[in-house]
Amino acid sequence: MVSTAMDYARFAQMLLNGGQLDGKRLLSPKTVAFMTSDHLEPLGNLKDRTYIPGRGYGQGFGFYVRVNEGHAYFLGNVGEFYKGGAGGTVFWVDPKEDLVAVFMITLPALRNHYRYLIKSMIYQTIVE
C-alpha cells in the first residue's frame, strides 16, 4: 500500500468517528465496531514472544485490538487498535483518549523499538 501520513491520519480519524469523515458516512458504526473488536478471543492474546500482534492484543478484522491492561509491552488502553507495516509504518486509534496517531519509518530491524518508544512518549504526555 502507498499513502501519505495525512491520508493515514484521515483514515484513522474516520475509524475514530465511527465510519464518518467530513460529514460523509463511509462505513456504518456497526461495521467499524465489528472490524475493531477481537475475533480471536481465547485463541489470541498469547504470552508467547512470537505471537503477533503481541501480548495484550487480539485480532480484529484487519487491526490488532488491545484486550487487556498491563500485558502489552507499551502504554495504551483496552479497546485501542492499530495496524503496522513491515517497514515500520504504524497507525493507531484510541477511542478512550480520542486519539489517532500515525508514525512512518522505513527501518524494519528497529520498527518495534521506535513504535514502542513513540507510543510511550505520546501516552506519557496525556494528562487526565
Protein backbone atom coordinates (compact mmCIF):
# COMPACT_ATOMS: atom_id res chain seq x y z
CA MET A 1 0.00 0.00 0.00
CA VAL A 2 1.20 3.50 -0.77
CA SER A 3 -0.13 6.52 1.06
CA THR A 4 0.81 9.70 2.86
CA ALA A 5 0.86 10.34 6.59
CA MET A 6 -2.08 12.72 6.20
CA ASP A 7 -4.15 10.12 4.30
CA TYR A 8 -3.40 7.59 7.03
CA ALA A 9 -4.45 10.15 9.64
CA ARG A 10 -7.72 10.85 7.81
CA PHE A 11 -8.44 7.13 7.55
CA ALA A 12 -7.73 6.69 11.27
CA GLN A 13 -9.93 9.71 12.08
CA MET A 14 -12.76 8.17 10.05
CA LEU A 15 -12.47 4.99 12.15
CA LEU A 16 -12.41 7.02 15.37
CA ASN A 17 -15.55 8.84 14.16
CA GLY A 18 -17.36 5.51 13.76
CA GLY A 19 -17.11 5.49 9.98
CA GLN A 20 -17.76 9.14 9.22
CA LEU A 21 -15.37 11.79 7.87
CA ASP A 22 -16.03 15.36 6.79
CA GLY A 23 -19.78 14.85 7.26
CA LYS A 24 -19.88 11.82 4.93
CA ARG A 25 -20.71 8.30 6.08
CA LEU A 26 -18.16 5.83 4.64
CA LEU A 27 -18.76 2.87 6.96
CA SER A 28 -21.58 2.11 9.35
CA PRO A 29 -20.82 2.33 13.07
CA LYS A 30 -21.64 -1.40 13.35
CA THR A 31 -19.08 -2.21 10.65
CA VAL A 32 -16.37 -0.21 12.44
CA ALA A 33 -17.28 -1.87 15.76
CA PHE A 34 -17.06 -5.30 14.11
CA MET A 35 -13.73 -4.51 12.41
CA THR A 36 -12.17 -3.25 15.62
CA SER A 37 -13.37 -5.94 18.01
CA ASP A 38 -11.38 -9.03 18.97
CA HIS A 39 -12.25 -12.05 16.83
CA LEU A 40 -9.71 -14.45 18.35
CA GLU A 41 -10.81 -14.21 21.98
CA PRO A 42 -9.25 -17.17 23.88
CA LEU A 43 -7.21 -18.18 20.82
CA GLY A 44 -5.39 -14.85 20.87
CA ASN A 45 -3.69 -12.70 23.49
CA LEU A 46 -0.92 -15.26 23.81
CA LYS A 47 2.08 -14.63 26.00
CA ASP A 48 4.43 -16.34 23.54
CA ARG A 49 7.13 -13.90 22.37
CA THR A 50 6.48 -14.88 18.74
CA TYR A 51 2.75 -14.11 18.91
CA ILE A 52 1.83 -11.30 16.56
CA PRO A 53 0.44 -8.73 17.44
CA GLY A 54 1.91 -9.27 20.90
CA ARG A 55 0.82 -9.73 24.49
CA GLY A 56 -2.38 -7.99 25.46
CA TYR A 57 -3.77 -7.91 21.90
CA GLY A 58 -6.30 -9.86 19.89
CA GLN A 59 -7.14 -9.71 16.21
CA GLY A 60 -9.90 -7.63 14.71
CA PHE A 61 -10.76 -7.52 11.02
CA GLY A 62 -7.53 -6.04 9.70
CA PHE A 63 -6.48 -4.49 13.02
CA TYR A 64 -4.85 -5.58 16.25
CA VAL A 65 -7.07 -4.80 19.22
CA ARG A 66 -5.92 -4.29 22.80
CA VAL A 67 -7.89 -6.63 25.03
CA ASN A 68 -6.03 -6.49 28.39
CA GLU A 69 -4.47 -3.86 30.60
CA GLY A 70 -0.93 -4.42 31.77
CA HIS A 71 0.04 -7.20 29.37
CA ALA A 72 1.36 -5.25 26.40
CA TYR A 73 4.93 -4.04 26.05
CA PHE A 74 3.85 -0.40 25.77
CA LEU A 75 1.26 2.05 27.07
CA GLY A 76 -2.29 2.16 25.77
CA ASN A 77 -5.91 1.42 26.65
CA VAL A 78 -8.21 -1.55 26.23
CA GLY A 79 -10.15 -1.01 23.01
CA GLU A 80 -7.42 0.81 21.11
CA PHE A 81 -6.45 -0.74 17.81
CA TYR A 82 -3.59 -0.46 15.37
CA LYS A 83 -2.06 -1.75 12.18
CA GLY A 84 1.59 -1.67 11.25
CA GLY A 85 3.59 -2.37 8.12
CA ALA A 86 6.73 -4.48 7.70
CA GLY A 87 8.94 -1.44 7.15
CA GLY A 88 7.83 0.29 10.32
CA THR A 89 4.82 2.41 9.40
CA VAL A 90 2.06 2.19 12.01
CA PHE A 91 -1.15 3.95 12.89
CA TRP A 92 -3.34 3.51 15.91
CA VAL A 93 -6.67 4.72 17.19
CA ASP A 94 -7.54 5.04 20.87
CA PRO A 95 -11.23 5.87 21.34
CA LYS A 96 -10.83 6.34 25.11
CA GLU A 97 -8.31 9.15 24.58
CA ASP A 98 -9.98 10.44 21.38
CA LEU A 99 -6.58 9.89 19.76
CA VAL A 100 -5.28 8.97 16.34
CA ALA A 101 -1.59 8.69 15.60
CA VAL A 102 0.49 7.92 12.53
CA PHE A 103 4.17 7.08 12.60
CA MET A 104 6.05 6.47 9.36
CA ILE A 105 9.53 4.98 9.29
CA THR A 106 11.40 2.66 6.98
CA LEU A 107 13.59 0.73 9.35
CA PRO A 108 12.39 -2.88 9.53
CA ALA A 109 15.03 -4.09 12.01
CA LEU A 110 14.15 -1.39 14.58
CA ARG A 111 10.48 -0.80 13.77
CA ASN A 112 9.17 -2.20 17.07
CA HIS A 113 11.73 -0.29 19.12
CA TYR A 114 10.64 3.03 17.62
CA ARG A 115 6.94 2.16 17.61
CA TYR A 116 7.05 1.40 21.34
CA LEU A 117 9.17 4.48 22.03
CA ILE A 118 6.92 6.90 20.12
CA LYS A 119 3.74 5.38 21.52
CA SER A 120 5.05 5.52 25.08
CA MET A 121 6.15 9.14 24.63
CA ILE A 122 2.72 10.14 23.33
CA TYR A 123 0.86 8.42 26.17
CA GLN A 124 3.18 9.90 28.77
CA THR A 125 2.16 13.40 27.64
CA ILE A 126 -1.56 12.76 28.21
CA VAL A 127 -2.81 14.49 31.34
CA GLU A 128 -6.13 13.45 32.86
